Amino acid sequence: MGERTIQQLVGELATMGLVETWTESKGRGGRAMYVETTFDPEWVYEAQAAVASESVLTEQR
């Protein structure tokens, strides 16, 4: 993915409230943008496991 695409994606996630972003000045080194999730990342793994097990059950039918 290109830089512009990533910036758009992060912007959309921030709009949805799924991530927080902030920018810090690094002086002559420029600026750095930081991104942090607003939820427990374990939630993603739990949801992914639930969807995977659900799709396995559907395939077995």
PDB file of N, CA and C in Angstrom:
ATOM      1  N   MET A   1       0.837  -1.178   0.000  1.00  0.00           N
ATOM      2  CA  MET A   1       0.000   0.000   0.000  1.00  0.00           C
ATOM      3  C   MET A   1       0.879   1.238   0.000  1.00  0.00           C
ATOM      4  N   GLY A   2       0.393   2.242  -0.623  1.00  0.00           N
ATOM      5  CA  GLY A   2       1.113   3.501  -0.655  1.00  0.00           C
ATOM      6  C   GLY A   2       0.844   4.335   0.587  1.00  0.00           C
ATOM      7  N   GLU A   3       1.654   5.368   0.762  1.00  0.00           N
ATOM      8  CA  GLU A   3       1.536   6.227   1.940  1.00  0.00           C
ATOM      9  C   GLU A   3       0.185   6.928   1.997  1.00  0.00           C
ATOM     10  N   ARG A   4      -0.279   7.410   0.861  1.00  0.00           N
ATOM     11  CA  ARG A   4      -1.567   8.113   0.830  1.00  0.00           C
ATOM     12  C   ARG A   4      -2.711   7.180   1.210  1.00  0.00           C
ATOM     13  N   THR A   5      -2.673   5.937   0.723  1.00  0.00           N
ATOM     14  CA  THR A   5      -3.710   4.954   1.041  1.00  0.00           C
ATOM     15  C   THR A   5      -3.725   4.657   2.532  1.00  0.00           C
ATOM     16  N   ILE A   6      -2.544   4.506   3.115  1.00  0.00           N
ATOM     17  CA  ILE A   6      -2.455   4.236   4.556  1.00  0.00           C
ATOM     18  C   ILE A   6      -2.988   5.415   5.347  1.00  0.00           C
ATOM     19  N   GLN A   7      -2.652   6.632   4.941  1.00  0.00           N
ATOM     20  CA  GLN A   7      -3.153   7.824   5.633  1.00  0.00           C
ATOM     21  C   GLN A   7      -4.669   7.901   5.563  1.00  0.00           C
ATOM     22  N   GLN A   8      -5.244   7.572   4.415  1.00  0.00           N
ATOM     23  CA  GLN A   8      -6.701   7.586   4.277  1.00  0.00           C
ATOM     24  C   GLN A   8      -7.341   6.526   5.167  1.00  0.00           C
ATOM     25  N   LEU A   9      -6.757   5.345   5.197  1.00  0.00           N
ATOM     26  CA  LEU A   9      -7.280   4.259   6.014  1.00  0.00           C
ATOM     27  C   LEU A   9      -7.227   4.620   7.495  1.00  0.00           C
ATOM     28  N   VAL A  10      -6.102   5.145   7.951  1.00  0.00           N
ATOM     29  CA  VAL A  10      -5.973   5.543   9.353  1.00  0.00           C
ATOM     30  C   VAL A  10      -6.962   6.664   9.665  1.00  0.00           C
ATOM     31  N   GLY A  11      -7.144   7.587   8.754  1.00  0.00           N
ATOM     32  CA  GLY A  11      -8.112   8.665   8.949  1.00  0.00           C
ATOM     33  C   GLY A  11      -9.535   8.141   9.097  1.00  0.00           C
ATOM     34  N   GLU A  12      -9.894   7.153   8.286  1.00  0.00           N
ATOM     35  CA  GLU A  12     -11.231   6.561   8.376  1.00  0.00           C
ATOM     36  C   GLU A  12     -11.407   5.806   9.696  1.00  0.00           C
ATOM     37  N   LEU A  13     -10.371   5.060  10.110  1.00  0.00           N
ATOM     38  CA  LEU A  13     -10.442   4.345  11.391  1.00  0.00           C
ATOM     39  C   LEU A  13     -10.556   5.321  12.551  1.00  0.00           C
ATOM     40  N   ALA A  14      -9.868   6.459  12.478  1.00  0.00           N
ATOM     41  CA  ALA A  14      -9.956   7.480  13.523  1.00  0.00           C
ATOM     42  C   ALA A  14     -11.352   8.094  13.557  1.00  0.00           C
ATOM     43  N   THR A  15     -11.934   8.307  12.389  1.00  0.00           N
ATOM     44  CA  THR A  15     -13.288   8.853  12.313  1.00  0.00           C
ATOM     45  C   THR A  15     -14.294   7.905  12.953  1.00  0.00           C
ATOM     46  N   MET A  16     -14.077   6.595  12.775  1.00  0.00           N
ATOM     47  CA  MET A  16     -14.963   5.594  13.368  1.00  0.00           C
ATOM     48  C   MET A  16     -14.685   5.391  14.856  1.00  0.00           C
ATOM     49  N   GLY A  17     -13.618   5.999  15.363  1.00  0.00           N
ATOM     50  CA  GLY A  17     -13.299   5.871  16.780  1.00  0.00           C
ATOM     51  C   GLY A  17     -12.555   4.590  17.130  1.00  0.00           C
ATOM     52  N   LEU A  18     -12.008   3.908  16.131  1.00  0.00           N
ATOM     53  CA  LEU A  18     -11.304   2.658  16.385  1.00  0.00           C
ATOM     54  C   LEU A  18      -9.831   2.861  16.713  1.00  0.00           C
ATOM     55  N   VAL A  19      -9.275   4.010  16.327  1.00  0.00           N
ATOM     56  CA  VAL A  19      -7.888   4.331  16.650  1.00  0.00           C
ATOM     57  C   VAL A  19      -7.787   5.790  17.086  1.00  0.00           C
ATOM     58  N   GLU A  20      -6.746   6.072  17.847  1.00  0.00           N
ATOM     59  CA  GLU A  20      -6.405   7.447  18.202  1.00  0.00           C
ATOM     60  C   GLU A  20      -5.086   7.761  17.518  1.00  0.00           C
ATOM     61  N   THR A  21      -4.953   8.978  17.025  1.00  0.00           N
ATOM     62  CA  THR A  21      -3.713   9.384  16.385  1.00  0.00           C
ATOM     63  C   THR A  21      -3.212  10.672  17.017  1.00  0.00           C
ATOM     64  N   TRP A  22      -1.901  10.840  17.031  1.00  0.00           N
ATOM     65  CA  TRP A  22      -1.315  12.095  17.466  1.00  0.00           C
ATOM     66  C   TRP A  22       0.014  12.267  16.756  1.00  0.00           C
ATOM     67  N   THR A  23       0.412  13.516  16.626  1.00  0.00           N
ATOM     68  CA  THR A  23       1.648  13.847  15.938  1.00  0.00           C
ATOM     69  C   THR A  23       2.596  14.496  16.919  1.00  0.00           C
ATOM     70  N   GLU A  24       3.849  14.070  16.886  1.00  0.00           N
ATOM     71  CA  GLU A  24       4.872  14.660  17.739  1.00  0.00           C
ATOM     72  C   GLU A  24       5.960  15.253  16.862  1.00  0.00           C
ATOM     73  N   SER A  25       6.407  16.425  17.256  1.00  0.00           N
ATOM     74  CA  SER A  25       7.497  17.073  16.550  1.00  0.00           C
ATOM     75  C   SER A  25       8.819  16.455  16.971  1.00  0.00           C
ATOM     76  N   LYS A  26       9.663  16.199  16.003  1.00  0.00           N
ATOM     77  CA  LYS A  26      10.991  15.646  16.267  1.00  0.00           C
ATOM     78  C   LYS A  26      12.072  16.685  15.975  1.00  0.00           C
ATOM     79  N   GLY A  27      11.693  17.957  16.018  1.00  0.00           N
ATOM     80  CA  GLY A  27      12.657  19.022  15.733  1.00  0.00           C
ATOM     81  C   GLY A  27      13.105  18.969  14.287  1.00  0.00           C
ATOM     82  N   ARG A  28      14.395  18.984  14.082  1.00  0.00           N
ATOM     83  CA  ARG A  28      14.929  18.934  12.716  1.00  0.00           C
ATOM     84  C   ARG A  28      14.668  17.590  12.054  1.00  0.00           C
ATOM     85  N   GLY A  29      14.374  16.574  12.857  1.00  0.00           N
ATOM     86  CA  GLY A  29      14.091  15.242  12.325  1.00  0.00           C
ATOM     87  C   GLY A  29      12.705  15.110  11.724  1.00  0.00           C
ATOM     88  N   GLY A  30      11.924  16.182  11.755  1.00  0.00           N
ATOM     89  CA  GLY A  30      10.586  16.166  11.177  1.00  0.00           C
ATOM     90  C   GLY A  30       9.520  15.850  12.219  1.00  0.00           C
ATOM     91  N   ARG A  31       8.441  15.266  11.766  1.00  0.00           N
ATOM     92  CA  ARG A  31       7.335  14.910  12.653  1.00  0.00           C
ATOM     93  C   ARG A  31       7.061  13.425  12.553  1.00  0.00           C
ATOM     94  N   ALA A  32       6.498  12.877  13.610  1.00  0.00           N
ATOM     95  CA  ALA A  32       6.122  11.459  13.623  1.00  0.00           C
ATOM     96  C   ALA A  32       4.655  11.367  14.005  1.00  0.00           C
ATOM     97  N   MET A  33       3.928  10.524  13.296  1.00  0.00           N
ATOM     98  CA  MET A  33       2.519  10.301  13.598  1.00  0.00           C
ATOM     99  C   MET A  33       2.397   8.940  14.277  1.00  0.00           C
ATOM    100  N   TYR A  34       1.697   8.916  15.388  1.00  0.00           N
ATOM    101  CA  TYR A  34       1.515   7.684  16.151  1.00  0.00           C
ATOM    102  C   TYR A  34       0.055   7.266  16.074  1.00  0.00           C
ATOM    103  N   VAL A  35      -0.171   5.954  16.064  1.00  0.00           N
ATOM    104  CA  VAL A  35      -1.516   5.393  15.985  1.00  0.00           C
ATOM    105  C   VAL A  35      -1.648   4.345  17.075  1.00  0.00           C
ATOM    106  N   GLU A  36      -2.772   4.389  17.802  1.00  0.00           N
ATOM    107  CA  GLU A  36      -3.022   3.423  18.872  1.00  0.00           C
ATOM    108  C   GLU A  36      -4.484   3.011  18.829  1.00  0.00           C
ATOM    109  N   THR A  37      -4.738   1.718  19.019  1.00  0.00           N
ATOM    110  CA  THR A  37      -6.122   1.260  19.019  1.00  0.00           C
ATOM    111  C   THR A  37      -6.840   1.749  20.272  1.00  0.00           C
ATOM    112  N   THR A  38      -8.136   1.923  20.163  1.00  0.00           N
ATOM    113  CA  THR A  38      -8.938   2.369  21.295  1.00  0.00           C
ATOM    114  C   THR A  38      -9.622   1.191  21.982  1.00  0.00           C
ATOM    115  N   PHE A  39      -9.286  -0.022  21.552  1.00  0.00           N
ATOM    116  CA  PHE A  39      -9.886  -1.223  22.120  1.00  0.00           C
ATOM    117  C   PHE A  39      -8.778  -2.220  22.405  1.00  0.00           C
ATOM    118  N   ASP A  40      -9.114  -3.245  23.169  1.00  0.00           N
ATOM    119  CA  ASP A  40      -8.149  -4.288  23.495  1.00  0.00           C
ATOM    120  C   ASP A  40      -7.889  -5.130  22.247  1.00  0.00           C
ATOM    121  N   PRO A  41      -6.649  -5.218  21.782  1.00  0.00           N
ATOM    122  CA  PRO A  41      -6.357  -5.991  20.570  1.00  0.00           C
ATOM    123  C   PRO A  41      -6.761  -7.460  20.673  1.00  0.00           C
ATOM    124  N   GLU A  42      -6.842  -8.012  21.869  1.00  0.00           N
ATOM    125  CA  GLU A  42      -7.279  -9.396  22.037  1.00  0.00           C
ATOM    126  C   GLU A  42      -8.684  -9.592  21.474  1.00  0.00           C
ATOM    127  N   TRP A  43      -9.496  -8.544  21.501  1.00  0.00           N
ATOM    128  CA  TRP A  43     -10.851  -8.610  20.975  1.00  0.00           C
ATOM    129  C   TRP A  43     -10.840  -9.034  19.512  1.00  0.00           C
ATOM    130  N   VAL A  44      -9.868  -8.563  18.741  1.00  0.00           N
ATOM    131  CA  VAL A  44      -9.777  -8.901  17.325  1.00  0.00           C
ATOM    132  C   VAL A  44      -9.533 -10.396  17.165  1.00  0.00           C
ATOM    133  N   TYR A  45      -8.612 -10.939  17.954  1.00  0.00           N
ATOM    134  CA  TYR A  45      -8.312 -12.364  17.862  1.00  0.00           C
ATOM    135  C   TYR A  45      -9.513 -13.216  18.269  1.00  0.00           C
ATOM    136  N   GLU A  46     -10.235 -12.788  19.303  1.00  0.00           N
ATOM    137  CA  GLU A  46     -11.422 -13.524  19.739  1.00  0.00           C
ATOM    138  C   GLU A  46     -12.503 -13.504  18.666  1.00  0.00           C
ATOM    139  N   ALA A  47     -12.719 -12.336  18.052  1.00  0.00           N
ATOM    140  CA  ALA A  47     -13.727 -12.217  17.003  1.00  0.00           C
ATOM    141  C   ALA A  47     -13.324 -13.032  15.785  1.00  0.00           C
ATOM    142  N   GLN A  48     -12.046 -13.009  15.451  1.00  0.00           N
ATOM    143  CA  GLN A  48     -11.554 -13.768  14.307  1.00  0.00           C
ATOM    144  C   GLN A  48     -11.735 -15.267  14.537  1.00  0.00           C
ATOM    145  N   ALA A  49     -11.459 -15.731  15.742  1.00  0.00           N
ATOM    146  CA  ALA A  49     -11.627 -17.149  16.059  1.00  0.00           C
ATOM    147  C   ALA A  49     -13.099 -17.547  15.985  1.00  0.00           C
ATOM    148  N   ALA A  50     -13.984 -16.668  16.448  1.00  0.00           N
ATOM    149  CA  ALA A  50     -15.416 -16.963  16.405  1.00  0.00           C
ATOM    150  C   ALA A  50     -15.910 -17.072  14.970  1.00  0.00           C
ATOM    151  N   VAL A  51     -15.454 -16.164  14.115  1.00  0.00           N
ATOM    152  CA  VAL A  51     -15.861 -16.196  12.710  1.00  0.00           C
ATOM    153  C   VAL A  51     -15.308 -17.441  12.030  1.00  0.00           C
ATOM    154  N   ALA A  52     -14.068 -17.793  12.342  1.00  0.00           N
ATOM    155  CA  ALA A  52     -13.448 -18.981  11.735  1.00  0.00           C
ATOM    156  C   ALA A  52     -14.188 -20.251  12.140  1.00  0.00           C
ATOM    157  N   SER A  53     -14.525 -20.371  13.423  1.00  0.00           N
ATOM    158  CA  SER A  53     -15.232 -21.575  13.864  1.00  0.00           C
ATOM    159  C   SER A  53     -16.637 -21.621  13.294  1.00  0.00           C
ATOM    160  N   GLU A  54     -17.258 -20.465  13.119  1.00  0.00           N
ATOM    161  CA  GLU A  54     -18.592 -20.408  12.533  1.00  0.00           C
ATOM    162  C   GLU A  54     -18.556 -20.840  11.077  1.00  0.00           C
ATOM    163  N   SER A  55     -17.527 -20.435  10.353  1.00  0.00           N
ATOM    164  CA  SER A  55     -17.443 -20.803   8.935  1.00  0.00           C
ATOM    165  C   SER A  55     -17.132 -22.297   8.789  1.00  0.00           C
ATOM    166  N   VAL A  56     -16.400 -22.886   9.721  1.00  0.00           N
ATOM    167  CA  VAL A  56     -16.126 -24.326   9.695  1.00  0.00           C
ATOM    168  C   VAL A  56     -17.430 -25.097   9.906  1.00  0.00           C
ATOM    169  N   LEU A  57     -18.246 -24.619  10.821  1.00  0.00           N
ATOM    170  CA  LEU A  57     -19.535 -25.282  11.067  1.00  0.00           C
ATOM    171  C   LEU A  57     -20.441 -25.184   9.852  1.00  0.00           C
ATOM    172  N   THR A  58     -20.420 -24.061   9.188  1.00  0.00           N
ATOM    173  CA  THR A  58     -21.246 -23.871   7.997  1.00  0.00           C
ATOM    174  C   THR A  58     -20.787 -24.791   6.872  1.00  0.00           C
ATOM    175  N   GLU A  59     -19.464 -24.959   6.718  1.00  0.00           N
ATOM    176  CA  GLU A  59     -18.929 -25.829   5.662  1.00  0.00           C
ATOM    177  C   GLU A  59     -19.255 -27.297   5.909  1.00  0.00           C
ATOM    178  N   GLN A  60     -19.374 -27.711   7.170  1.00  0.00           N
ATOM    179  CA  GLN A  60     -19.633 -29.100   7.504  1.00  0.00           C
ATOM    180  C   GLN A  60     -21.078 -29.492   7.210  1.00  0.00           C
ATOM    181  N   ARG A  61     -21.954 -28.538   7.117  1.00  0.00           N
ATOM    182  CA  ARG A  61     -23.381 -28.843   6.883  1.00  0.00           C
ATOM    183  C   ARG A  61     -23.613 -29.269   5.504  1.00  0.00           C
TER     184      ARG A  61
END
